[in-house]
Amino acid sequence: MTPPSASKGLSRGEIAVAAFTAAYMLGALLWFLSIGNREFIWYLVTMAILVALVGWTARAARAPVWLLWALSIWGLAHMAGGGLVIDGAVLYAKTVIPIVGEGEARILKYDQVVHFYGFAVTALFLRSILLDAHPALAGSRASYIYPALASLGLSAVNEIVEFAAVMGLPDTNVGGYVNTGLDLVFNAAGATAAMIAARLIAGPAAPTRD
């Protein structure tokens, strides 16, 4: 049976998000083709699949438009990270704040900020889907723990996609083992922070239960 929201047309907010996302993805495709960046064309194909999946899921689960904007901005940040070159290096490799470490182990880089943000938003989106399907879980520990864990599962899929790029393409900017480990750490930090924030925003009116 088709959910009621899925049978209706797109709202103005959803159309705006879709148009914005399509515009920067088309721009990114043309840019990557012009510079011969096959790695990010691979990512664009993967992202197109994810956009379609998110769009279908969001309609079925009545996801709030602000979450769709947050996901779209994540995609834009990802495209910018691989497409913008500053001082001879892609934006992903640039240090935002030099906190600790050197080279691949440097913290804090643009790449890590995007990973933190992206999987924080992913956890919030998954929580929205969970509560739409099972509203009785509102206020339960499960409504915070499972979205965080699911976000981490998707972060592992992201690393598999990057691994596939490394194995299938001659030159990539993915990085090595240390980079992968830091990506997973920032993914976990983002998902955890998002769920802590969601619990704090819920406040005492939504007591945590099992």
N, C-alpha and C. Protein backbone atom coordinates (compact mmCIF):
# COMPACT_ATOMS: atom_id res chain seq x y z
N MET A 1 0.85 -1.20 0.00
CA MET A 1 0.00 0.00 0.00
C MET A 1 0.88 1.25 0.00
N THR A 2 0.57 2.19 -0.84
CA THR A 2 1.37 3.41 -0.94
C THR A 2 1.05 4.35 0.21
N PRO A 3 2.08 4.81 0.95
CA PRO A 3 1.84 5.76 2.04
C PRO A 3 1.14 6.99 1.51
N PRO A 4 0.29 7.63 2.33
CA PRO A 4 -0.44 8.81 1.87
C PRO A 4 0.45 9.89 1.30
N SER A 5 1.60 10.15 1.95
CA SER A 5 2.48 11.23 1.50
C SER A 5 3.11 10.92 0.17
N ALA A 6 3.31 9.60 -0.11
CA ALA A 6 3.99 9.23 -1.34
C ALA A 6 3.09 9.41 -2.56
N SER A 7 1.75 9.45 -2.35
CA SER A 7 0.83 9.57 -3.46
C SER A 7 0.64 11.02 -3.89
N LYS A 8 1.11 11.96 -3.10
CA LYS A 8 0.95 13.37 -3.42
C LYS A 8 2.15 13.87 -4.20
N GLY A 9 1.95 15.04 -4.84
CA GLY A 9 3.06 15.63 -5.56
C GLY A 9 4.09 16.21 -4.60
N LEU A 10 5.23 16.60 -5.16
CA LEU A 10 6.29 17.18 -4.35
C LEU A 10 5.86 18.55 -3.83
N SER A 11 6.29 18.86 -2.62
CA SER A 11 6.03 20.18 -2.06
C SER A 11 7.00 21.18 -2.67
N ARG A 12 6.74 22.47 -2.45
CA ARG A 12 7.65 23.50 -2.97
C ARG A 12 9.06 23.32 -2.40
N GLY A 13 9.12 23.01 -1.10
CA GLY A 13 10.41 22.82 -0.47
C GLY A 13 11.16 21.66 -1.07
N GLU A 14 10.47 20.55 -1.34
CA GLU A 14 11.12 19.37 -1.92
C GLU A 14 11.58 19.65 -3.35
N ILE A 15 10.77 20.39 -4.10
CA ILE A 15 11.16 20.75 -5.47
C ILE A 15 12.41 21.62 -5.45
N ALA A 16 12.47 22.56 -4.50
CA ALA A 16 13.64 23.44 -4.39
C ALA A 16 14.90 22.64 -4.09
N VAL A 17 14.80 21.68 -3.16
CA VAL A 17 15.95 20.84 -2.82
C VAL A 17 16.38 20.02 -4.03
N ALA A 18 15.40 19.43 -4.72
CA ALA A 18 15.70 18.60 -5.88
C ALA A 18 16.39 19.41 -6.98
N ALA A 19 15.88 20.63 -7.23
CA ALA A 19 16.46 21.48 -8.27
C ALA A 19 17.88 21.90 -7.91
N PHE A 20 18.09 22.28 -6.66
CA PHE A 20 19.41 22.69 -6.19
C PHE A 20 20.41 21.53 -6.33
N THR A 21 19.99 20.35 -5.91
CA THR A 21 20.86 19.18 -5.98
C THR A 21 21.19 18.81 -7.43
N ALA A 22 20.17 18.82 -8.29
CA ALA A 22 20.39 18.49 -9.70
C ALA A 22 21.32 19.50 -10.35
N ALA A 23 21.18 20.78 -10.00
CA ALA A 23 22.00 21.83 -10.61
C ALA A 23 23.48 21.65 -10.26
N TYR A 24 23.78 21.42 -8.96
CA TYR A 24 25.21 21.31 -8.64
C TYR A 24 25.78 19.98 -9.10
N MET A 25 24.96 18.92 -9.19
CA MET A 25 25.46 17.64 -9.70
C MET A 25 25.79 17.75 -11.19
N LEU A 26 24.93 18.44 -11.94
CA LEU A 26 25.21 18.66 -13.37
C LEU A 26 26.46 19.50 -13.54
N GLY A 27 26.57 20.57 -12.74
CA GLY A 27 27.77 21.41 -12.81
C GLY A 27 29.02 20.63 -12.46
N ALA A 28 28.94 19.77 -11.44
CA ALA A 28 30.08 18.96 -11.05
C ALA A 28 30.45 17.98 -12.15
N LEU A 29 29.45 17.36 -12.78
CA LEU A 29 29.72 16.41 -13.87
C LEU A 29 30.48 17.08 -15.01
N LEU A 30 30.01 18.26 -15.41
CA LEU A 30 30.66 18.98 -16.51
C LEU A 30 32.09 19.37 -16.12
N TRP A 31 32.27 19.78 -14.86
CA TRP A 31 33.60 20.18 -14.40
C TRP A 31 34.55 18.99 -14.36
N PHE A 32 34.11 17.88 -13.80
CA PHE A 32 34.97 16.70 -13.69
C PHE A 32 35.32 16.12 -15.06
N LEU A 33 34.36 16.18 -16.00
CA LEU A 33 34.65 15.74 -17.36
C LEU A 33 35.70 16.63 -18.00
N SER A 34 35.61 17.94 -17.74
CA SER A 34 36.55 18.89 -18.36
C SER A 34 37.97 18.72 -17.84
N ILE A 35 38.11 18.27 -16.58
CA ILE A 35 39.46 18.11 -16.02
C ILE A 35 39.90 16.65 -16.01
N GLY A 36 39.06 15.77 -16.52
CA GLY A 36 39.42 14.35 -16.62
C GLY A 36 39.48 13.64 -15.28
N ASN A 37 38.68 14.08 -14.31
CA ASN A 37 38.67 13.45 -12.99
C ASN A 37 37.68 12.30 -12.99
N ARG A 38 38.18 11.09 -13.29
CA ARG A 38 37.30 9.93 -13.37
C ARG A 38 36.86 9.44 -12.00
N GLU A 39 37.67 9.72 -10.97
CA GLU A 39 37.30 9.28 -9.61
C GLU A 39 35.98 9.89 -9.19
N PHE A 40 35.84 11.19 -9.39
CA PHE A 40 34.62 11.84 -8.91
C PHE A 40 33.43 11.64 -9.85
N ILE A 41 33.69 11.24 -11.09
CA ILE A 41 32.57 10.83 -11.93
C ILE A 41 31.98 9.54 -11.36
N TRP A 42 32.85 8.66 -10.86
CA TRP A 42 32.40 7.45 -10.17
C TRP A 42 31.56 7.81 -8.95
N TYR A 43 32.02 8.79 -8.18
CA TYR A 43 31.27 9.23 -7.01
C TYR A 43 29.94 9.86 -7.40
N LEU A 44 29.92 10.57 -8.52
CA LEU A 44 28.67 11.19 -8.98
C LEU A 44 27.62 10.13 -9.31
N VAL A 45 28.05 9.04 -9.94
CA VAL A 45 27.12 7.95 -10.25
C VAL A 45 26.57 7.37 -8.95
N THR A 46 27.47 7.14 -7.99
CA THR A 46 27.05 6.61 -6.69
C THR A 46 26.10 7.58 -6.00
N MET A 47 26.42 8.87 -6.08
CA MET A 47 25.58 9.87 -5.42
C MET A 47 24.20 9.95 -6.08
N ALA A 48 24.14 9.80 -7.41
CA ALA A 48 22.85 9.83 -8.10
C ALA A 48 21.95 8.70 -7.60
N ILE A 49 22.54 7.53 -7.36
CA ILE A 49 21.78 6.40 -6.82
C ILE A 49 21.28 6.73 -5.42
N LEU A 50 22.15 7.32 -4.61
CA LEU A 50 21.77 7.67 -3.24
C LEU A 50 20.68 8.75 -3.22
N VAL A 51 20.79 9.73 -4.12
CA VAL A 51 19.78 10.79 -4.19
C VAL A 51 18.41 10.19 -4.51
N ALA A 52 18.39 9.25 -5.45
CA ALA A 52 17.14 8.59 -5.80
C ALA A 52 16.58 7.81 -4.61
N LEU A 53 17.46 7.12 -3.89
CA LEU A 53 17.03 6.35 -2.73
C LEU A 53 16.51 7.25 -1.62
N VAL A 54 17.23 8.34 -1.36
CA VAL A 54 16.81 9.29 -0.33
C VAL A 54 15.47 9.92 -0.71
N GLY A 55 15.33 10.29 -1.99
CA GLY A 55 14.09 10.89 -2.44
C GLY A 55 12.90 9.97 -2.25
N TRP A 56 13.06 8.72 -2.62
CA TRP A 56 11.97 7.74 -2.46
C TRP A 56 11.65 7.52 -0.99
N THR A 57 12.71 7.37 -0.17
CA THR A 57 12.52 7.12 1.26
C THR A 57 11.89 8.33 1.94
N ALA A 58 12.37 9.52 1.57
CA ALA A 58 11.86 10.74 2.21
C ALA A 58 10.38 10.93 1.94
N ARG A 59 9.93 10.61 0.74
CA ARG A 59 8.51 10.74 0.42
C ARG A 59 7.69 9.74 1.23
N ALA A 60 8.19 8.50 1.34
CA ALA A 60 7.45 7.47 2.06
C ALA A 60 7.41 7.76 3.56
N ALA A 61 8.50 8.33 4.08
CA ALA A 61 8.61 8.53 5.53
C ALA A 61 8.31 9.97 5.96
N ARG A 62 7.93 10.83 5.01
CA ARG A 62 7.60 12.22 5.33
C ARG A 62 8.75 12.93 6.06
N ALA A 63 9.94 12.80 5.52
CA ALA A 63 11.11 13.45 6.12
C ALA A 63 10.96 14.97 6.02
N PRO A 64 11.34 15.70 7.07
CA PRO A 64 11.24 17.17 7.02
C PRO A 64 12.16 17.76 5.96
N VAL A 65 11.72 18.84 5.36
CA VAL A 65 12.49 19.46 4.26
C VAL A 65 13.86 19.93 4.74
N TRP A 66 13.96 20.40 5.99
CA TRP A 66 15.25 20.89 6.47
C TRP A 66 16.30 19.78 6.47
N LEU A 67 15.86 18.52 6.70
CA LEU A 67 16.80 17.41 6.65
C LEU A 67 17.24 17.13 5.21
N LEU A 68 16.32 17.30 4.27
CA LEU A 68 16.68 17.12 2.86
C LEU A 68 17.70 18.17 2.43
N TRP A 69 17.50 19.41 2.90
CA TRP A 69 18.49 20.46 2.61
C TRP A 69 19.85 20.11 3.21
N ALA A 70 19.82 19.61 4.43
CA ALA A 70 21.08 19.24 5.10
C ALA A 70 21.81 18.16 4.32
N LEU A 71 21.06 17.16 3.81
CA LEU A 71 21.68 16.10 3.02
C LEU A 71 22.21 16.65 1.69
N SER A 72 21.46 17.55 1.08
CA SER A 72 21.90 18.13 -0.18
C SER A 72 23.18 18.95 -0.01
N ILE A 73 23.25 19.70 1.07
CA ILE A 73 24.46 20.49 1.35
C ILE A 73 25.65 19.58 1.57
N TRP A 74 25.43 18.42 2.19
CA TRP A 74 26.51 17.44 2.34
C TRP A 74 27.03 17.02 0.96
N GLY A 75 26.11 16.74 0.04
CA GLY A 75 26.53 16.36 -1.30
C GLY A 75 27.33 17.46 -1.98
N LEU A 76 26.90 18.71 -1.81
CA LEU A 76 27.62 19.84 -2.39
C LEU A 76 29.02 19.95 -1.79
N ALA A 77 29.12 19.77 -0.47
CA ALA A 77 30.42 19.84 0.19
C ALA A 77 31.34 18.74 -0.33
N HIS A 78 30.76 17.57 -0.61
CA HIS A 78 31.54 16.45 -1.14
C HIS A 78 32.05 16.76 -2.53
N MET A 79 31.19 17.30 -3.39
CA MET A 79 31.61 17.65 -4.74
C MET A 79 32.69 18.73 -4.72
N ALA A 80 32.52 19.73 -3.85
CA ALA A 80 33.51 20.80 -3.75
C ALA A 80 34.83 20.25 -3.25
N GLY A 81 34.77 19.30 -2.33
CA GLY A 81 36.00 18.73 -1.77
C GLY A 81 36.87 18.07 -2.81
N GLY A 82 36.25 17.44 -3.80
CA GLY A 82 37.03 16.77 -4.83
C GLY A 82 37.26 17.59 -6.08
N GLY A 83 36.48 18.67 -6.25
CA GLY A 83 36.57 19.44 -7.48
C GLY A 83 37.34 20.73 -7.38
N LEU A 84 37.42 21.31 -6.20
CA LEU A 84 38.14 22.58 -6.05
C LEU A 84 39.60 22.32 -5.71
N VAL A 85 40.48 22.93 -6.46
CA VAL A 85 41.91 22.78 -6.22
C VAL A 85 42.46 24.10 -5.70
N ILE A 86 43.09 24.05 -4.54
CA ILE A 86 43.65 25.24 -3.90
C ILE A 86 45.13 25.01 -3.64
N ASP A 87 45.97 25.86 -4.18
CA ASP A 87 47.43 25.74 -4.02
C ASP A 87 47.92 24.36 -4.41
N GLY A 88 47.37 23.83 -5.51
CA GLY A 88 47.83 22.56 -6.04
C GLY A 88 47.27 21.32 -5.38
N ALA A 89 46.36 21.47 -4.42
CA ALA A 89 45.78 20.32 -3.73
C ALA A 89 44.26 20.47 -3.68
N VAL A 90 43.55 19.32 -3.76
CA VAL A 90 42.10 19.37 -3.69
C VAL A 90 41.68 19.85 -2.30
N LEU A 91 40.49 20.44 -2.24
CA LEU A 91 39.98 21.00 -0.99
C LEU A 91 39.94 19.95 0.11
N TYR A 92 39.65 18.69 -0.25
CA TYR A 92 39.58 17.63 0.75
C TYR A 92 40.88 17.49 1.55
N ALA A 93 41.99 17.82 0.93
CA ALA A 93 43.29 17.64 1.58
C ALA A 93 43.70 18.85 2.42
N LYS A 94 42.93 19.92 2.37
CA LYS A 94 43.32 21.15 3.06
C LYS A 94 43.01 21.08 4.55
N THR A 95 43.90 21.66 5.33
CA THR A 95 43.72 21.72 6.78
C THR A 95 42.84 22.92 7.14
N VAL A 96 41.81 22.66 7.93
CA VAL A 96 40.92 23.73 8.39
C VAL A 96 41.52 24.40 9.63
N ILE A 97 41.86 23.59 10.62
CA ILE A 97 42.52 24.05 11.84
C ILE A 97 43.63 23.05 12.17
N PRO A 98 44.89 23.46 12.23
CA PRO A 98 45.98 22.52 12.55
C PRO A 98 46.00 22.18 14.05
N ILE A 99 45.29 21.11 14.41
CA ILE A 99 45.19 20.74 15.83
C ILE A 99 46.32 19.80 16.23
N VAL A 100 46.49 18.70 15.46
CA VAL A 100 47.51 17.72 15.81
C VAL A 100 47.84 16.88 14.59
N GLY A 101 49.02 16.27 14.57
CA GLY A 101 49.39 15.34 13.51
C GLY A 101 49.97 16.01 12.29
N GLU A 102 50.55 15.17 11.43
CA GLU A 102 51.14 15.64 10.19
C GLU A 102 50.72 14.73 9.05
N GLY A 103 50.79 15.25 7.83
CA GLY A 103 50.49 14.45 6.65
C GLY A 103 49.09 13.87 6.68
N GLU A 104 48.98 12.57 6.40
CA GLU A 104 47.68 11.91 6.36
C GLU A 104 46.99 11.89 7.72
N ALA A 105 47.79 11.97 8.79
CA ALA A 105 47.25 11.92 10.15
C ALA A 105 46.89 13.30 10.69
N ARG A 106 46.97 14.32 9.85
CA ARG A 106 46.69 15.68 10.30
C ARG A 106 45.21 15.84 10.67
N ILE A 107 44.98 16.51 11.78
CA ILE A 107 43.64 16.88 12.24
C ILE A 107 43.69 18.38 12.55
N LEU A 108 42.83 19.16 11.96
CA LEU A 108 41.52 18.91 11.42
C LEU A 108 41.50 19.33 9.95
N LYS A 109 41.13 18.39 9.06
CA LYS A 109 41.08 18.68 7.65
C LYS A 109 39.63 18.83 7.17
N TYR A 110 39.49 19.47 6.02
CA TYR A 110 38.17 19.65 5.41
C TYR A 110 37.46 18.30 5.27
N ASP A 111 38.19 17.30 4.84
CA ASP A 111 37.64 15.95 4.67
C ASP A 111 36.97 15.46 5.95
N GLN A 112 37.63 15.66 7.07
CA GLN A 112 37.11 15.18 8.36
C GLN A 112 35.86 15.95 8.79
N VAL A 113 35.85 17.24 8.50
CA VAL A 113 34.67 18.06 8.81
C VAL A 113 33.46 17.56 8.02
N VAL A 114 33.67 17.26 6.74
CA VAL A 114 32.59 16.78 5.88
C VAL A 114 32.09 15.42 6.36
N HIS A 115 33.02 14.54 6.77
CA HIS A 115 32.62 13.23 7.29
C HIS A 115 31.79 13.39 8.57
N PHE A 116 32.23 14.24 9.47
CA PHE A 116 31.51 14.47 10.73
C PHE A 116 30.10 14.98 10.43
N TYR A 117 30.02 16.02 9.62
CA TYR A 117 28.73 16.62 9.29
C TYR A 117 27.82 15.62 8.58
N GLY A 118 28.38 14.94 7.57
CA GLY A 118 27.58 14.06 6.73
C GLY A 118 26.91 12.93 7.49
N PHE A 119 27.66 12.29 8.38
CA PHE A 119 27.07 11.15 9.08
C PHE A 119 26.30 11.56 10.33
N ALA A 120 26.47 12.81 10.74
CA ALA A 120 25.55 13.38 11.74
C ALA A 120 24.18 13.57 11.10
N VAL A 121 24.16 14.15 9.91
CA VAL A 121 22.89 14.36 9.20
C VAL A 121 22.26 13.01 8.84
N THR A 122 23.09 12.05 8.45
CA THR A 122 22.57 10.72 8.12
C THR A 122 21.87 10.10 9.32
N ALA A 123 22.47 10.21 10.50
CA ALA A 123 21.85 9.66 11.71
C ALA A 123 20.51 10.33 11.99
N LEU A 124 20.45 11.65 11.81
CA LEU A 124 19.18 12.37 12.02
C LEU A 124 18.12 11.93 11.00
N PHE A 125 18.54 11.73 9.76
CA PHE A 125 17.61 11.28 8.73
C PHE A 125 17.09 9.88 9.04
N LEU A 126 17.98 8.99 9.45
CA LEU A 126 17.58 7.63 9.79
C LEU A 126 16.65 7.62 11.02
N ARG A 127 16.91 8.51 11.96
CA ARG A 127 16.03 8.60 13.14
C ARG A 127 14.64 9.07 12.72
N SER A 128 14.59 10.01 11.79
CA SER A 128 13.30 10.49 11.29
C SER A 128 12.51 9.35 10.65
N ILE A 129 13.20 8.52 9.87
CA ILE A 129 12.56 7.38 9.23
C ILE A 129 12.07 6.38 10.27
N LEU A 130 12.92 6.10 11.27
CA LEU A 130 12.57 5.15 12.32
C LEU A 130 11.33 5.59 13.08
N LEU A 131 11.28 6.86 13.47
CA LEU A 131 10.16 7.34 14.26
C LEU A 131 8.89 7.47 13.44
N ASP A 132 9.02 7.70 12.14
CA ASP A 132 7.84 7.73 11.29
C ASP A 132 7.21 6.34 11.20
N ALA A 133 8.07 5.32 11.08
CA ALA A 133 7.57 3.95 10.96
C ALA A 133 7.13 3.39 12.31
N HIS A 134 7.81 3.82 13.38
CA HIS A 134 7.52 3.28 14.71
C HIS A 134 7.44 4.42 15.73
N PRO A 135 6.37 5.22 15.69
CA PRO A 135 6.26 6.39 16.58
C PRO A 135 6.29 6.02 18.06
N ALA A 136 5.96 4.76 18.39
CA ALA A 136 5.97 4.34 19.79
C ALA A 136 7.38 4.34 20.37
N LEU A 137 8.40 4.38 19.50
CA LEU A 137 9.79 4.39 19.96
C LEU A 137 10.26 5.77 20.41
N ALA A 138 9.47 6.80 20.18
CA ALA A 138 9.87 8.16 20.57
C ALA A 138 10.20 8.20 22.06
N GLY A 139 11.35 8.76 22.37
CA GLY A 139 11.79 8.85 23.76
C GLY A 139 12.54 7.64 24.26
N SER A 140 12.62 6.58 23.45
CA SER A 140 13.33 5.37 23.88
C SER A 140 14.82 5.49 23.55
N ARG A 141 15.62 4.71 24.25
CA ARG A 141 17.05 4.67 23.94
C ARG A 141 17.28 4.16 22.51
N ALA A 142 16.44 3.24 22.08
CA ALA A 142 16.58 2.68 20.74
C ALA A 142 16.47 3.75 19.66
N SER A 143 15.67 4.79 19.91
CA SER A 143 15.47 5.84 18.92
C SER A 143 16.71 6.70 18.73
N TYR A 144 17.67 6.56 19.62
CA TYR A 144 18.94 7.28 19.49
C TYR A 144 20.09 6.33 19.13
N ILE A 145 20.08 5.14 19.71
CA ILE A 145 21.20 4.20 19.51
C ILE A 145 21.18 3.62 18.09
N TYR A 146 20.00 3.15 17.65
CA TYR A 146 19.95 2.47 16.36
C TYR A 146 20.21 3.40 15.17
N PRO A 147 19.71 4.63 15.15
CA PRO A 147 20.09 5.51 14.04
C PRO A 147 21.59 5.78 13.99
N ALA A 148 22.24 5.92 15.17
CA ALA A 148 23.69 6.13 15.18
C ALA A 148 24.41 4.92 14.60
N LEU A 149 23.98 3.71 15.01
CA LEU A 149 24.62 2.49 14.51
C LEU A 149 24.36 2.31 13.01
N ALA A 150 23.15 2.64 12.57
CA ALA A 150 22.83 2.53 11.14
C ALA A 150 23.66 3.52 10.33
N SER A 151 23.86 4.71 10.87
CA SER A 151 24.70 5.70 10.19
C SER A 151 26.13 5.19 10.05
N LEU A 152 26.62 4.51 11.08
CA LEU A 152 27.96 3.94 11.01
C LEU A 152 28.03 2.83 9.97
N GLY A 153 26.93 2.07 9.84
CA GLY A 153 26.89 1.05 8.79
C GLY A 153 26.99 1.67 7.42
N LEU A 154 26.28 2.77 7.19
CA LEU A 154 26.36 3.45 5.90
C LEU A 154 27.74 4.08 5.69
N SER A 155 28.37 4.49 6.79
CA SER A 155 29.72 5.05 6.65
C SER A 155 30.70 3.97 6.19
N ALA A 156 30.45 2.73 6.60
CA ALA A 156 31.29 1.62 6.11
C ALA A 156 31.06 1.39 4.62
N VAL A 157 29.80 1.54 4.17
CA VAL A 157 29.51 1.43 2.75
C VAL A 157 30.26 2.51 1.98
N ASN A 158 30.33 3.71 2.54
CA ASN A 158 31.07 4.81 1.92
C ASN A 158 32.53 4.44 1.73
N GLU A 159 33.12 3.81 2.74
CA GLU A 159 34.52 3.41 2.63
C GLU A 159 34.70 2.29 1.61
N ILE A 160 33.70 1.42 1.46
CA ILE A 160 33.76 0.37 0.43
C ILE A 160 33.75 0.99 -0.96
N VAL A 161 32.92 2.03 -1.12
CA VAL A 161 32.87 2.74 -2.41
C VAL A 161 34.23 3.37 -2.71
N GLU A 162 34.85 3.96 -1.69
CA GLU A 162 36.18 4.55 -1.88
C GLU A 162 37.21 3.46 -2.21
N PHE A 163 37.10 2.31 -1.56
CA PHE A 163 38.01 1.20 -1.83
C PHE A 163 37.85 0.72 -3.27
N ALA A 164 36.59 0.66 -3.74
CA ALA A 164 36.34 0.26 -5.12
C ALA A 164 36.98 1.24 -6.09
N ALA A 165 36.94 2.54 -5.74
CA ALA A 165 37.57 3.56 -6.59
C ALA A 165 39.08 3.34 -6.64
N VAL A 166 39.67 3.03 -5.49
CA VAL A 166 41.12 2.80 -5.43
C VAL A 166 41.51 1.61 -6.30
N MET A 167 40.71 0.54 -6.23
CA MET A 167 41.03 -0.67 -6.98
C MET A 167 40.75 -0.54 -8.47
N GLY A 168 39.77 0.31 -8.83
CA GLY A 168 39.37 0.38 -10.23
C GLY A 168 39.94 1.53 -11.02
N LEU A 169 40.49 2.54 -10.32
CA LEU A 169 41.00 3.73 -11.01
C LEU A 169 42.49 3.90 -10.72
N PRO A 170 43.25 4.35 -11.71
CA PRO A 170 44.70 4.47 -11.52
C PRO A 170 45.14 5.53 -10.53
N ASP A 171 44.44 6.65 -10.48
CA ASP A 171 44.83 7.75 -9.59
C ASP A 171 43.61 8.25 -8.82
N THR A 172 43.73 8.20 -7.49
CA THR A 172 42.64 8.71 -6.64
C THR A 172 43.24 9.56 -5.53
N ASN A 173 42.38 10.32 -4.86
CA ASN A 173 42.79 11.12 -3.70
C ASN A 173 42.20 10.56 -2.41
N VAL A 174 41.92 9.25 -2.41
CA VAL A 174 41.25 8.64 -1.27
C VAL A 174 42.13 8.62 -0.04
N GLY A 175 43.42 8.33 -0.20
CA GLY A 175 44.31 8.22 0.96
C GLY A 175 44.48 6.77 1.38
N GLY A 176 45.27 6.56 2.43
CA GLY A 176 45.60 5.22 2.87
C GLY A 176 44.85 4.77 4.11
N TYR A 177 45.48 3.83 4.82
CA TYR A 177 44.85 3.21 5.98
C TYR A 177 44.53 4.23 7.08
N VAL A 178 45.47 5.13 7.35
CA VAL A 178 45.26 6.14 8.39
C VAL A 178 44.08 7.04 8.03
N ASN A 179 44.01 7.42 6.76
CA ASN A 179 42.89 8.26 6.32
C ASN A 179 41.55 7.54 6.51
N THR A 180 41.52 6.26 6.14
CA THR A 180 40.29 5.48 6.31
C THR A 180 39.89 5.40 7.78
N GLY A 181 40.87 5.16 8.65
CA GLY A 181 40.60 5.09 10.08
C GLY A 181 40.05 6.39 10.62
N LEU A 182 40.66 7.50 10.21
CA LEU A 182 40.19 8.82 10.67
C LEU A 182 38.80 9.12 10.13
N ASP A 183 38.54 8.72 8.88
CA ASP A 183 37.19 8.90 8.33
C ASP A 183 36.16 8.21 9.22
N LEU A 184 36.44 6.97 9.61
CA LEU A 184 35.49 6.21 10.43
C LEU A 184 35.33 6.84 11.81
N VAL A 185 36.41 7.36 12.35
CA VAL A 185 36.34 8.02 13.66
C VAL A 185 35.46 9.25 13.58
N PHE A 186 35.64 10.08 12.56
CA PHE A 186 34.82 11.28 12.42
C PHE A 186 33.38 10.95 12.05
N ASN A 187 33.17 9.87 11.30
CA ASN A 187 31.81 9.41 11.03
C ASN A 187 31.10 9.06 12.34
N ALA A 188 31.80 8.30 13.19
CA ALA A 188 31.23 7.89 14.48
C ALA A 188 30.98 9.09 15.37
N ALA A 189 31.92 10.03 15.37
CA ALA A 189 31.77 11.23 16.20
C ALA A 189 30.56 12.05 15.75
N GLY A 190 30.37 12.17 14.43
CA GLY A 190 29.24 12.93 13.92
C GLY A 190 27.91 12.29 14.26
N ALA A 191 27.81 10.97 14.05
CA ALA A 191 26.56 10.25 14.35
C ALA A 191 26.23 10.33 15.84
N THR A 192 27.25 10.17 16.68
CA THR A 192 27.05 10.22 18.13
C THR A 192 26.63 11.62 18.57
N ALA A 193 27.32 12.63 18.05
CA ALA A 193 27.00 14.01 18.41
C ALA A 193 25.57 14.37 18.00
N ALA A 194 25.15 13.90 16.83
CA ALA A 194 23.80 14.19 16.36
C ALA A 194 22.74 13.61 17.29
N MET A 195 22.96 12.38 17.75
CA MET A 195 21.99 11.73 18.63
C MET A 195 22.00 12.35 20.04
N ILE A 196 23.16 12.79 20.50
CA ILE A 196 23.21 13.49 21.78
C ILE A 196 22.45 14.81 21.67
N ALA A 197 22.66 15.52 20.56
CA ALA A 197 21.95 16.79 20.34
C ALA A 197 20.45 16.56 20.25
N ALA A 198 20.03 15.49 19.56
CA ALA A 198 18.61 15.20 19.43
C ALA A 198 17.99 14.91 20.79
N ARG A 199 18.73 14.21 21.63
CA ARG A 199 18.22 13.90 22.98
C ARG A 199 18.11 15.18 23.82
N LEU A 200 19.10 16.05 23.73
CA LEU A 200 19.08 17.30 24.49
C LEU A 200 17.95 18.21 24.03
N ILE A 201 17.74 18.25 22.71
CA ILE A 201 16.67 19.09 22.16
C ILE A 201 15.30 18.55 22.59
N ALA A 202 15.19 17.21 22.67
CA ALA A 202 13.92 16.60 23.10
C ALA A 202 13.56 17.05 24.51
N GLY A 203 14.58 17.24 25.36
CA GLY A 203 14.37 17.78 26.70
C GLY A 203 13.68 16.83 27.65
N PRO A 204 13.39 17.30 28.85
CA PRO A 204 12.79 16.46 29.89
C PRO A 204 11.38 16.01 29.58
N ALA A 205 10.75 16.64 28.59
CA ALA A 205 9.38 16.25 28.25
C ALA A 205 9.33 14.89 27.58
N ALA A 206 10.51 14.40 27.09
CA ALA A 206 10.57 13.10 26.44
C ALA A 206 11.53 12.22 27.20
N PRO A 207 11.12 11.65 28.36
CA PRO A 207 12.02 10.85 29.18
C PRO A 207 12.55 9.63 28.42
N THR A 208 13.83 9.37 28.61
CA THR A 208 14.44 8.22 27.95
C THR A 208 13.99 6.94 28.63
N ARG A 209 13.60 5.98 27.80
CA ARG A 209 13.18 4.69 28.32
C ARG A 209 13.77 3.59 27.45
N ASP A 210 13.68 2.35 27.93
CA ASP A 210 14.22 1.23 27.14
C ASP A 210 13.31 0.91 25.97
